[in-house]
Protein backbone atom coordinates (compact mmCIF):
# COMPACT_ATOMS: atom_id res chain seq x y z
CA MET A 1 107.58 134.79 95.55
CA GLN A 2 105.90 136.18 92.74
CA GLN A 3 104.92 132.74 91.40
CA THR A 4 104.16 131.70 95.19
CA LYS A 5 101.73 134.27 95.19
CA LEU A 6 100.12 134.15 91.67
CA PHE A 7 100.00 130.18 92.00
CA VAL A 8 97.19 131.47 95.28
CA LEU A 9 95.43 133.79 93.16
CA ILE A 10 94.76 131.34 90.79
CA ALA A 11 93.95 128.65 93.40
CA LEU A 12 91.38 131.36 95.04
CA PHE A 13 90.29 132.49 91.63
CA LEU A 14 89.50 128.44 90.72
CA GLY A 15 88.48 127.58 94.00
CA ASN A 16 85.43 126.54 93.77
CA SER A 17 85.32 125.30 90.86
CA ILE A 18 88.36 123.01 92.03
CA PHE A 19 86.52 121.58 95.10
CA ALA A 20 82.71 121.91 93.75
CA GLN A 21 82.78 118.86 92.67
CA THR A 22 82.17 115.89 94.88
CA SER A 23 82.56 111.71 94.08
CA LYS A 24 79.07 111.31 96.01
CA PRO A 25 76.31 113.76 96.58
CA LEU A 26 75.72 116.23 98.89
CA VAL A 27 72.64 115.28 101.04
CA GLU A 28 70.63 117.93 103.27
CA SER A 29 67.88 117.04 105.31
CA THR A 30 65.38 119.08 108.05
CA LYS A 31 64.53 116.12 110.72
CA GLY A 32 67.31 113.79 111.85
CA MET A 33 70.99 112.42 110.35
CA VAL A 34 73.12 109.35 110.64
CA VAL A 35 76.38 109.53 109.18
CA SER A 36 78.74 105.93 109.27
CA THR A 37 80.88 104.07 107.24
CA HIS A 38 78.10 101.50 106.23
CA PRO A 39 75.11 101.96 104.26
CA ALA A 40 73.48 99.07 106.02
CA ALA A 41 74.27 100.55 109.42
CA SER A 42 73.21 104.78 108.67
CA GLU A 43 70.35 102.97 107.25
CA VAL A 44 69.46 100.93 110.95
CA GLY A 45 70.21 104.12 112.97
CA LEU A 46 68.17 106.08 110.26
CA ALA A 47 65.10 103.71 111.05
CA ILE A 48 65.59 104.39 115.22
CA LEU A 49 65.10 108.32 114.65
CA LYS A 50 62.23 107.83 112.74
CA LYS A 51 60.20 105.45 115.15
CA GLY A 52 60.97 107.78 117.68
CA GLY A 53 64.12 107.49 119.17
CA ASN A 54 66.89 110.13 120.01
CA ALA A 55 70.65 110.44 118.77
CA ILE A 56 71.84 108.21 121.86
CA ASP A 57 69.40 105.07 120.69
CA ALA A 58 70.66 105.48 117.60
CA ALA A 59 74.04 105.61 118.57
CA VAL A 60 73.67 102.67 120.01
CA ALA A 61 71.70 100.48 117.37
CA VAL A 62 74.55 102.19 114.59
CA ASN A 63 77.70 100.65 117.25
CA PHE A 64 75.68 96.97 117.51
CA ALA A 65 74.80 96.65 113.18
CA LEU A 66 78.62 98.20 112.72
CA ALA A 67 79.90 95.26 114.47
CA VAL A 68 77.81 92.83 112.10
CA CYS A 69 78.26 94.49 108.70
CA HIS A 70 81.95 96.08 109.28
CA PRO A 71 83.86 93.59 111.24
CA ALA A 72 86.78 95.60 110.07
CA ALA A 73 86.44 98.03 112.40
CA GLY A 74 82.71 97.79 113.75
CA ASN A 75 83.20 96.20 117.20
CA ILE A 76 81.71 94.50 120.22
CA GLY A 77 85.62 93.69 121.20
CA GLY A 78 87.02 96.87 120.82
CA GLY A 79 86.25 100.21 122.79
CA GLY A 80 86.07 103.78 121.82
CA PHE A 81 84.74 107.19 122.74
CA LEU A 82 81.26 109.38 122.80
CA VAL A 83 81.18 113.16 122.73
CA TYR A 84 77.32 114.36 123.51
CA ARG A 85 75.95 117.44 122.84
CA ASP A 86 72.04 117.56 124.34
CA LYS A 87 69.82 119.84 123.48
CA GLN A 88 70.26 122.34 126.20
CA ALA A 89 73.99 122.83 125.02
CA GLN A 90 75.35 120.23 128.19
CA THR A 91 78.27 118.56 126.76
CA PHE A 92 79.82 114.92 128.17
CA ALA A 93 82.57 112.70 127.09
CA LEU A 94 82.34 109.08 127.91
CA ASP A 95 85.33 107.46 127.81
CA PHE A 96 85.02 103.21 127.29
CA ARG A 97 88.40 102.64 126.17
CA GLU A 98 89.95 98.64 126.23
CA LYS A 99 92.14 98.30 129.50
CA ALA A 100 95.43 96.55 129.84
CA PRO A 101 94.46 93.10 131.71
CA LEU A 102 95.64 92.47 135.29
CA LYS A 103 97.98 90.18 134.71
CA ALA A 104 99.86 92.80 131.70
CA PHE A 105 103.30 94.15 132.90
CA ARG A 106 105.23 96.73 131.95
CA ASP A 107 108.23 94.82 129.47
CA MET A 108 105.54 92.89 128.76
CA TYR A 109 106.71 93.08 124.54
CA LEU A 110 110.64 92.69 125.43
CA ASP A 111 112.77 89.71 125.13
CA GLU A 112 115.81 89.21 127.22
CA THR A 113 117.88 91.55 126.11
CA GLY A 114 115.02 94.42 126.36
CA ALA A 115 115.06 94.49 122.72
CA ILE A 116 110.79 94.74 121.61
CA ILE A 117 109.44 91.62 120.07
CA PRO A 118 108.21 91.89 116.65
CA GLY A 119 104.24 91.85 116.36
CA LYS A 120 103.55 90.61 119.87
CA SER A 121 101.51 93.52 120.80
CA GLN A 122 100.09 93.80 116.84
CA ALA A 123 98.31 90.27 116.33
CA GLY A 124 97.66 87.58 118.11
CA ILE A 125 96.34 86.64 122.04
CA PHE A 126 98.58 89.05 123.44
CA SER A 127 98.03 92.12 122.12
CA VAL A 128 94.29 92.25 123.41
CA GLY A 129 93.35 94.85 125.92
CA VAL A 130 89.58 94.28 127.98
CA PRO A 131 86.61 95.28 126.16
CA GLY A 132 85.00 98.19 126.47
CA ALA A 133 82.70 98.68 123.55
CA VAL A 134 79.65 96.94 125.09
CA ALA A 135 79.74 98.97 128.91
CA GLY A 136 80.37 101.96 126.97
CA MET A 137 76.51 100.79 124.68
CA GLU A 138 75.05 100.52 128.18
CA ALA A 139 76.59 103.43 130.15
CA MET A 140 75.27 105.93 127.62
CA HIS A 141 71.33 104.48 127.06
CA GLN A 142 71.58 104.32 130.85
CA LYS A 143 71.74 107.42 131.25
CA PHE A 144 70.26 109.09 127.84
CA GLY A 145 68.29 106.40 125.62
CA LYS A 146 64.61 106.21 125.29
CA LEU A 147 63.55 103.37 124.00
CA PRO A 148 63.82 99.62 125.09
CA TRP A 149 67.72 98.49 124.75
CA LYS A 150 66.25 95.31 123.17
CA GLU A 151 64.74 97.75 120.53
CA LEU A 152 68.27 98.64 120.01
CA VAL A 153 70.15 95.65 119.39
CA GLN A 154 67.37 93.57 117.58
CA PRO A 155 68.58 95.75 114.13
CA ALA A 156 72.68 93.92 114.59
CA VAL A 157 70.57 90.66 115.32
CA ASP A 158 68.85 90.77 112.20
CA LEU A 159 71.84 91.51 110.05
CA ALA A 160 73.90 89.18 111.44
CA ARG A 161 71.42 86.40 111.19
CA LYS A 162 70.05 87.07 107.52
CA GLY A 163 73.33 88.41 105.95
CA VAL A 164 74.86 90.88 105.08
CA VAL A 165 75.62 92.08 101.77
CA LEU A 166 79.23 92.33 101.42
CA THR A 167 80.58 95.88 99.56
CA GLU A 168 83.33 95.14 96.98
CA LYS A 169 85.65 97.02 99.70
CA GLU A 170 84.66 94.64 102.57
CA ALA A 171 85.09 91.26 99.92
CA ARG A 172 88.70 92.35 99.05
CA GLY A 173 89.51 93.49 102.94
CA LEU A 174 88.43 89.70 104.10
CA ASN A 175 90.35 88.03 101.57
CA GLY A 176 93.42 89.95 102.00
CA GLN A 177 93.41 88.86 106.08
CA LYS A 178 92.95 85.28 105.14
CA ALA A 179 95.91 84.76 105.89
CA ASP A 180 96.66 86.01 109.01
CA PHE A 181 92.86 84.59 110.17
CA LEU A 182 94.32 80.88 109.83
CA LYS A 183 97.39 82.29 111.70
CA PHE A 184 96.03 84.19 114.63
CA ASN A 185 93.44 80.79 115.40
CA VAL A 186 92.63 77.50 116.33
CA ASP A 187 89.64 76.95 114.62
CA LYS A 188 88.73 78.01 110.88
CA TYR A 189 85.85 80.89 111.21
CA TYR A 190 83.35 82.21 109.04
CA LEU A 191 84.87 85.09 107.80
CA ILE A 192 87.10 82.90 105.72
CA LYS A 193 85.33 81.40 102.52
CA ALA A 194 83.82 78.36 102.13
CA ASN A 195 85.89 76.02 99.99
CA ASP A 196 89.12 78.10 100.17
CA GLU A 197 87.35 80.84 97.65
CA LYS A 198 87.46 84.66 97.15
CA TRP A 199 84.39 86.93 98.78
CA ASN A 200 83.39 89.19 96.22
CA LYS A 201 81.06 91.57 96.06
CA GLY A 202 77.77 91.23 96.78
CA ASP A 203 78.62 87.59 98.93
CA LEU A 204 76.06 86.94 101.86
CA LEU A 205 77.87 87.24 104.88
CA ILE A 206 76.02 85.43 107.59
CA GLN A 207 77.17 85.47 111.02
CA GLU A 208 74.94 83.06 113.21
CA ASP A 209 77.47 83.05 115.87
CA LEU A 210 77.89 86.70 116.12
CA ALA A 211 73.73 87.07 116.28
CA GLN A 212 74.06 84.51 119.73
CA SER A 213 76.31 86.78 121.20
CA LEU A 214 74.07 90.06 120.45
CA GLU A 215 70.61 87.94 121.76
CA ARG A 216 72.19 87.88 125.01
CA ILE A 217 73.47 91.57 125.24
CA ALA A 218 69.70 92.11 124.11
CA LYS A 219 68.79 90.04 126.92
CA ARG A 220 71.23 91.24 129.62
CA LYS A 221 72.45 94.07 128.43
CA SER A 222 76.06 94.49 129.47
CA LYS A 223 75.39 91.24 131.85
CA GLY A 224 75.39 89.58 128.18
CA PHE A 225 78.99 90.26 127.25
CA TYR A 226 80.93 90.64 130.50
CA ARG A 227 79.20 87.94 132.76
CA GLY A 228 77.76 84.34 131.52
CA LYS A 229 77.82 82.84 128.60
CA THR A 230 79.63 84.88 126.41
CA SER A 231 82.16 85.86 128.90
CA ARG A 232 82.83 82.12 129.42
CA LEU A 233 83.66 81.93 125.49
CA LEU A 234 86.30 84.57 125.90
CA VAL A 235 87.67 83.45 128.52
CA LYS A 236 88.38 80.13 126.96
CA GLU A 237 89.81 81.80 124.00
CA MET A 238 92.07 82.72 126.31
CA LYS A 239 93.23 79.78 128.31
CA ARG A 240 93.40 77.53 124.99
CA GLN A 241 95.95 80.67 122.65
CA GLY A 242 97.88 81.20 126.37
CA GLY A 243 96.43 85.11 126.73
CA ILE A 244 96.50 86.93 130.23
CA MET A 245 92.60 88.08 130.06
CA THR A 246 90.67 86.34 133.16
CA LYS A 247 87.07 86.58 133.81
CA LYS A 248 87.67 89.15 136.66
CA ASP A 249 88.89 91.20 133.71
CA LEU A 250 85.90 91.23 132.51
CA LYS A 251 83.45 91.63 135.34
CA SER A 252 85.56 94.41 136.76
CA TYR A 253 85.50 96.46 132.95
CA GLN A 254 83.55 100.20 133.75
CA ALA A 255 83.45 102.88 131.39
CA ALA A 256 83.91 106.28 132.82
CA TRP A 257 82.03 109.35 132.24
CA ARG A 258 84.97 112.25 131.89
CA ASN A 259 84.39 116.00 131.29
CA THR A 260 84.91 117.03 127.57
CA VAL A 261 87.75 119.33 126.11
CA ASN A 262 86.84 122.70 124.94
CA PHE A 263 87.82 125.32 123.73
CA GLU A 264 87.23 128.68 121.10
CA TYR A 265 89.12 129.07 117.36
CA LYS A 266 87.78 132.23 116.18
CA GLY A 267 84.48 132.39 118.47
CA LYS A 268 83.66 128.80 117.48
CA LYS A 269 83.63 126.61 120.98
CA ILE A 270 85.12 123.16 119.63
CA ILE A 271 83.63 120.53 121.59
CA SER A 272 86.55 116.76 121.97
CA MET A 273 87.64 114.68 123.88
CA PRO A 274 90.09 114.73 126.73
CA PRO A 275 92.91 111.66 127.83
CA PRO A 276 93.19 109.18 127.33
CA SER A 277 91.99 110.24 124.07
CA SER A 278 94.95 112.57 123.04
CA GLY A 279 92.40 113.91 120.23
CA GLY A 280 90.77 117.12 122.43
CA ILE A 281 94.12 118.59 123.40
CA ALA A 282 95.76 117.79 120.39
CA LEU A 283 92.75 119.58 118.00
CA ASN A 284 93.13 122.40 121.06
CA GLN A 285 96.45 122.85 120.11
CA LEU A 286 96.52 122.28 116.31
CA LEU A 287 94.05 125.30 115.97
CA LYS A 288 95.32 127.43 118.36
CA MET A 289 98.63 127.30 116.33
CA VAL A 290 97.02 128.27 113.05
CA GLU A 291 94.76 130.65 114.41
CA PRO A 292 96.83 133.78 113.54
CA PHE A 293 97.46 132.64 109.92
CA PRO A 294 95.21 134.45 107.50
CA ILE A 295 94.86 130.86 105.92
CA SER A 296 91.06 131.87 104.34
CA THR A 297 92.59 134.11 102.28
CA TRP A 298 95.68 131.87 101.30
CA GLY A 299 92.82 129.07 99.98
CA PRO A 300 93.27 125.69 100.61
CA GLN A 301 95.96 124.89 98.22
CA SER A 302 98.30 127.47 98.76
CA ASP A 303 102.10 126.60 100.28
CA SER A 304 101.65 128.05 102.89
CA THR A 305 98.47 127.00 104.34
CA PHE A 306 100.06 124.02 103.72
CA GLN A 307 103.44 124.50 105.65
CA VAL A 308 101.74 126.04 108.66
CA MET A 309 99.40 123.12 108.97
CA VAL A 310 102.34 120.99 108.58
CA GLU A 311 104.38 122.44 111.29
CA ALA A 312 101.35 122.54 114.00
CA GLU A 313 101.02 119.22 113.37
CA ARG A 314 104.70 118.11 113.65
CA ARG A 315 104.71 120.33 116.80
CA VAL A 316 102.13 118.90 118.16
CA TYR A 317 102.42 115.45 118.17
CA ALA A 318 106.26 115.81 119.78
CA ASP A 319 103.93 116.66 122.82
CA ARG A 320 101.78 114.05 122.29
CA ALA A 321 104.45 111.44 122.51
CA LYS A 322 105.78 112.73 125.99
CA TRP A 323 102.99 114.36 127.57
CA LEU A 324 99.88 112.06 127.13
CA GLY A 325 98.50 108.69 128.68
CA ASP A 326 95.53 107.59 130.85
CA PRO A 327 94.76 110.20 133.44
CA ASP A 328 93.73 107.47 136.12
CA PHE A 329 97.31 106.64 135.98
CA VAL A 330 99.82 109.51 135.13
CA LYS A 331 99.20 113.49 136.01
CA VAL A 332 98.49 115.12 131.78
CA PRO A 333 99.36 118.69 131.87
CA GLN A 334 96.30 119.30 130.38
CA THR A 335 96.00 122.78 131.54
CA GLU A 336 100.21 123.55 130.21
CA LEU A 337 99.16 122.28 126.93
CA MET A 338 96.40 124.10 126.02
CA ASN A 339 97.70 127.17 127.88
CA PRO A 340 98.01 129.55 124.49
CA SER A 341 101.17 131.68 125.79
CA TYR A 342 102.73 127.90 125.45
CA ILE A 343 101.47 127.01 122.54
CA GLN A 344 102.06 130.55 120.80
CA GLN A 345 105.80 130.04 121.71
CA ARG A 346 105.77 126.59 120.28
CA MET A 347 105.46 128.36 116.67
CA LYS A 348 107.83 131.06 116.86
CA ASP A 349 111.16 129.11 115.29
CA PHE A 350 108.74 128.08 112.15
CA SER A 351 110.09 129.88 108.84
CA PHE A 352 108.51 129.88 105.60
CA ASP A 353 111.75 129.66 104.20
CA LYS A 354 112.05 125.72 104.88
CA ALA A 355 110.45 122.88 106.57
CA THR A 356 112.00 122.60 110.47
CA LEU A 357 113.75 118.97 110.87
CA SER A 358 111.68 117.19 113.28
CA SER A 359 115.09 116.34 114.95
CA SER A 360 115.33 119.95 116.31
CA ILE A 361 111.65 119.82 117.58
CA SER A 362 111.16 118.17 121.40
CA ALA A 363 108.58 118.17 123.76
CA GLY A 364 108.11 121.45 124.94
CA GLN A 365 108.66 122.47 128.29
CA PHE A 366 106.75 124.31 131.52
CA PRO A 367 107.44 125.81 134.02
CA GLY A 368 107.44 122.81 137.20
CA TYR A 369 106.31 120.63 135.28
CA GLU A 370 94.53 104.26 114.80
CA SER A 371 96.31 99.92 107.73
CA PRO A 372 94.63 102.33 110.29
CA GLU A 373 90.98 100.87 110.55
CA THR A 374 88.65 102.56 113.43
CA THR A 375 84.89 103.42 112.84
CA HIS A 376 82.84 106.92 112.83
CA TYR A 377 80.02 107.77 113.25
CA SER A 378 78.09 111.47 113.69
CA ILE A 379 74.14 111.52 114.31
CA VAL A 380 71.94 114.57 114.97
CA ASP A 381 68.10 113.71 115.99
CA GLU A 382 65.13 116.34 115.73
CA GLU A 383 65.41 117.92 118.92
CA GLY A 384 69.03 118.91 118.14
CA ASN A 385 70.99 115.88 120.29
CA ALA A 386 74.00 115.28 119.05
CA VAL A 387 76.37 112.11 119.16
CA SER A 388 79.88 111.91 117.84
CA ILE A 389 81.38 108.28 118.44
CA THR A 390 84.61 106.78 117.19
CA THR A 391 85.52 103.18 118.03
CA THR A 392 87.92 101.00 117.12
CA LEU A 393 89.69 97.28 117.32
CA ASN A 394 92.72 99.42 116.13
CA ASN A 395 94.31 97.55 113.46
CA SER A 396 92.77 96.11 110.42
CA TYR A 397 90.18 93.38 111.61
CA GLY A 398 91.68 93.69 115.75
CA SER A 399 94.71 91.08 116.73
CA LYS A 400 92.66 88.78 113.69
CA VAL A 401 91.54 86.63 116.52
CA PHE A 402 87.75 85.33 116.84
CA VAL A 403 86.26 84.43 119.99
CA GLY A 404 85.35 80.86 119.56
CA GLY A 405 81.61 80.22 119.81
CA ALA A 406 80.99 83.40 119.82
CA GLY A 407 81.77 85.34 116.74
CA PHE A 408 83.57 88.00 116.94
CA LEU A 409 86.92 89.75 116.57
CA LEU A 410 88.91 91.02 119.55
CA ASN A 411 90.91 94.15 119.90
CA ASP A 412 94.79 94.25 119.79
CA GLU A 413 94.75 98.06 121.62
CA MET A 414 97.54 96.84 123.54
CA ASP A 415 99.80 98.21 120.85
CA ASP A 416 98.62 101.65 121.70
CA PHE A 417 100.72 101.72 124.81
CA SER A 418 104.29 102.25 124.48
CA ALA A 419 106.10 99.42 124.79
CA LYS A 420 108.74 100.27 125.19
CA ALA A 421 109.86 104.15 125.76
CA GLY A 422 111.34 106.09 122.69
CA SER A 423 109.71 102.81 120.08
CA PRO A 424 107.49 103.40 117.95
CA ASN A 425 104.34 101.04 117.55
CA LEU A 426 102.15 99.80 114.60
CA TYR A 427 101.57 103.75 113.39
CA GLY A 428 105.04 105.15 113.72
CA LEU A 429 104.01 106.94 117.44
CA ILE A 430 106.36 107.30 119.44
CA GLY A 431 105.43 106.69 123.16
CA SER A 432 107.22 107.97 126.93
CA LYS A 433 106.65 106.45 130.58
CA ALA A 434 102.93 108.44 130.65
CA ASN A 435 101.92 105.98 128.41
CA GLU A 436 103.80 102.91 129.90
CA ILE A 437 101.76 99.33 130.10
CA GLN A 438 100.44 98.91 133.97
CA PRO A 439 97.79 96.29 134.67
CA GLY A 440 93.77 97.86 134.26
CA LYS A 441 95.21 101.41 133.08
CA ARG A 442 93.65 102.51 129.43
CA MET A 443 96.32 103.05 126.56
CA LEU A 444 96.52 106.04 124.39
CA SER A 445 94.51 106.84 121.60
CA SER A 446 94.42 109.46 118.95
CA MET A 447 90.39 109.18 118.89
CA THR A 448 88.95 112.41 117.98
CA PRO A 449 84.79 112.69 118.33
CA THR A 450 84.48 116.32 117.67
CA ILE A 451 81.63 118.85 117.84
CA VAL A 452 81.10 122.25 117.30
CA GLU A 453 79.12 125.34 118.57
CA GLU A 454 78.54 128.65 116.68
CA ASN A 455 76.85 131.31 118.69
CA GLY A 456 75.45 128.60 121.35
CA LYS A 457 74.05 126.40 118.72
CA LEU A 458 75.06 123.22 116.99
CA LYS A 459 77.20 124.06 113.94
CA MET A 460 79.05 120.39 112.86
CA VAL A 461 79.12 116.90 114.11
CA VAL A 462 82.50 115.11 112.80
CA GLY A 463 85.11 112.54 113.58
CA THR A 464 87.04 109.60 111.11
CA PRO A 465 89.14 106.76 112.02
CA GLY A 466 92.52 106.82 110.77
CA GLY A 467 95.13 105.56 113.40
CA SER A 468 97.55 108.33 114.27
CA THR A 469 96.23 110.32 111.18
CA ILE A 470 92.26 110.94 113.38
CA ILE A 471 93.60 113.80 114.86
CA THR A 472 95.00 115.89 111.43
CA SER A 473 92.13 114.24 109.27
CA VAL A 474 89.27 116.13 112.06
CA PHE A 475 92.00 119.41 111.99
CA GLN A 476 91.52 119.59 108.32
CA VAL A 477 87.67 118.95 108.16
CA ILE A 478 86.97 121.66 110.73
CA LEU A 479 89.69 124.13 108.63
CA ASN A 480 87.86 123.35 105.36
CA THR A 481 83.92 124.37 106.65
CA LEU A 482 85.50 126.99 108.67
CA GLU A 483 87.61 128.85 106.92
CA MET A 484 87.65 127.51 103.46
CA GLY A 485 83.45 128.04 102.94
CA MET A 486 83.41 124.23 101.97
CA ASN A 487 80.14 122.52 102.34
CA MET A 488 79.97 119.17 104.30
CA GLN A 489 80.73 116.94 101.46
CA GLN A 490 83.33 118.96 99.48
CA ALA A 491 85.01 119.32 103.16
CA VAL A 492 85.54 115.24 104.08
CA GLU A 493 86.00 114.82 100.09
CA TYR A 494 88.97 117.00 99.68
CA PRO A 495 92.26 115.48 99.78
CA ARG A 496 94.46 115.08 102.99
CA PHE A 497 98.05 115.39 104.55
CA HIS A 498 99.58 114.26 107.61
CA HIS A 499 102.69 114.67 109.58
CA GLN A 500 103.67 113.02 113.25
CA TRP A 501 106.61 114.73 114.22
CA LEU A 502 108.13 110.87 113.56
CA PRO A 503 108.62 109.89 111.49
CA ASP A 504 109.56 113.16 110.11
CA GLN A 505 108.07 112.64 106.47
CA VAL A 506 104.39 114.19 104.96
CA LEU A 507 101.86 111.29 103.98
CA PHE A 508 100.09 112.85 101.31
CA GLU A 509 96.89 111.30 98.89
CA ARG A 510 98.46 110.11 95.85
CA ASN A 511 97.14 111.12 92.68
CA ARG A 512 95.71 114.83 94.20
CA PHE A 513 98.39 117.15 94.67
CA SER A 514 99.87 118.68 91.70
CA SER A 515 103.52 117.90 90.67
CA GLU A 516 104.25 121.59 90.51
CA GLN A 517 103.40 122.16 94.51
CA LEU A 518 105.32 118.59 95.55
CA ASN A 519 107.99 120.04 93.56
CA ARG A 520 108.05 123.19 95.71
CA LEU A 521 107.78 121.14 98.88
CA ASN A 522 110.51 118.88 98.11
CA GLU A 523 112.72 122.18 97.63
CA LYS A 524 112.00 123.56 101.49
CA LYS A 525 113.26 119.97 102.29
CA TYR A 526 109.81 118.47 103.23
CA LYS A 527 110.15 114.65 102.96
CA MET A 528 106.64 113.62 100.69
CA VAL A 529 105.49 110.12 100.54
CA PRO A 530 102.21 109.28 98.92
CA VAL A 531 99.60 107.31 100.55
CA ASN A 532 96.35 105.79 99.17
CA GLY A 533 94.27 107.80 101.64
CA LEU A 534 93.85 109.12 104.83
CA GLY A 535 90.97 108.51 107.35
CA LEU A 536 87.10 108.20 106.47
CA VAL A 537 85.65 110.98 107.37
CA GLU A 538 81.62 111.21 108.69
CA GLY A 539 80.54 114.71 109.23
CA ILE A 540 76.87 117.17 109.63
CA LEU A 541 77.05 120.35 109.11
CA VAL A 542 73.97 122.34 110.60
CA LEU A 543 72.88 125.43 107.95
CA PRO A 544 72.29 128.78 109.59
CA ASN A 545 68.31 127.83 108.53
CA GLY A 546 68.22 124.63 110.51
CA LYS A 547 69.15 122.23 107.96
CA LEU A 548 71.17 119.15 108.40
CA GLN A 549 74.06 119.07 105.59
CA GLY A 550 75.67 115.45 105.45
CA GLY A 551 79.31 114.17 104.24
CA ALA A 552 80.01 110.65 103.86
CA ASP A 553 83.62 110.60 102.74
CA SER A 554 84.31 109.02 99.40
CA ARG A 555 87.32 106.76 100.24
CA GLY A 556 84.95 104.38 101.53
CA ASP A 557 81.89 103.32 101.69
CA ASP A 558 80.00 105.81 103.79
CA THR A 559 76.77 106.75 103.90
CA VAL A 560 74.06 109.50 104.89
CA SER A 561 70.50 108.71 106.01
CA ALA A 562 68.71 110.88 106.68
CA TYR A 563 64.61 112.54 106.74
């Protein structure tokens, strides 16, 4: 016990120096800011703000730009979620999550014995959900946009036609996917370099087919995707590979406006995404579970802080597995899951002496009742409108299936359903009947676009990719700022860890935790598993003087653009 106290005191004494140095510079501005996973996309968004566009306009432009410059996750063939807070402090949530095709059925990924067919839901033509990205962009622009639609799509057209200079990370990603691109496509596409050469940093990626698809969207908005030539090309691809998505699926897709999840944490208002994202409810549970503990006194490096956060994560993911799904198809017990007394009793069996076994934890009961590749961007404009958007293809490069002649990748979001109750998906997440496959149903998500207020004023905009680790990454970054006093860049770069109930293990970032601390946690029966990185958080913090402070994760090509 004395050793732990001494460690905490040392951590507190050294705290500022420990996390003061960051790999990327701290960026501050007074007018507008865009933080995204790619420098070209951030610059596109900033240009829109400078020409008089608002945060929504910039978000639309960034989304289409990411479809060009970040094909691993940026997309028009996927979907996502928006949390928006306008300058009057009104909040909105837009669900443009993918849907199961109308020909989908519960047991479509099981063999005749009832066993899951390995990989069928994770890649290839049968893993594809009906895309929602373009419908989502039109819905938010129609409701809140200022600039003409075409002006917001044109920068992406230009990027696709003139070419994007590959970063080292993008080149490595494309090279690593070559075998799957060949396996899951009839034709050889431009994401495989000519003459079977490897992509290198600095190479120019030109995407003419995608440029033409974007031009059709620029001219006809969502009709340029869900109808007309692009939809015909998509359905043609489905037919030639034996897929189940039809023209009817595309024509019937609509984005859905929903009510944000709102709650208080130590006087701050947290605004996040409701189901079919699990993010908002899970974030509420996590923050309320740790709220009674003095983690700011303990400090970010203490064993006690680590244990409280891990044990909260363990319990929240157990609830996620049982109770959450598409609210249009199942009754989600949101009120019960967010009830303070319920949340408090969930942590009653926690002990600092040793880890709680996940086998002893199940979903709570109440009386009577996303290589994780996603992408996120955060935007604040000069008027104070704030956008937090997370969008995805699910796995890195989605299903690996290209739409022939249209130049874009399709998602593999069907894997986010429960293919079989109690069986894990790509990210090891366990699902239940609430998230089983049904025609037209939206699959459960971990995406957690979030906005924080303080005293009625905008405080923070934050989100991240990362599959099942999204929720815990957002949770930890929020605590890094609100509890630990870190600036935005420090908060997004600080080492992270993740527990999701099952499998019963703690993922932690390699070489970023001391061997002494790892030994102590192992002694308490925490199974510690090193990974290369967790999440790519993009955040904006609003300072008391009104300045904007950006945080671009050093784990990727993330970039702050501001003026």
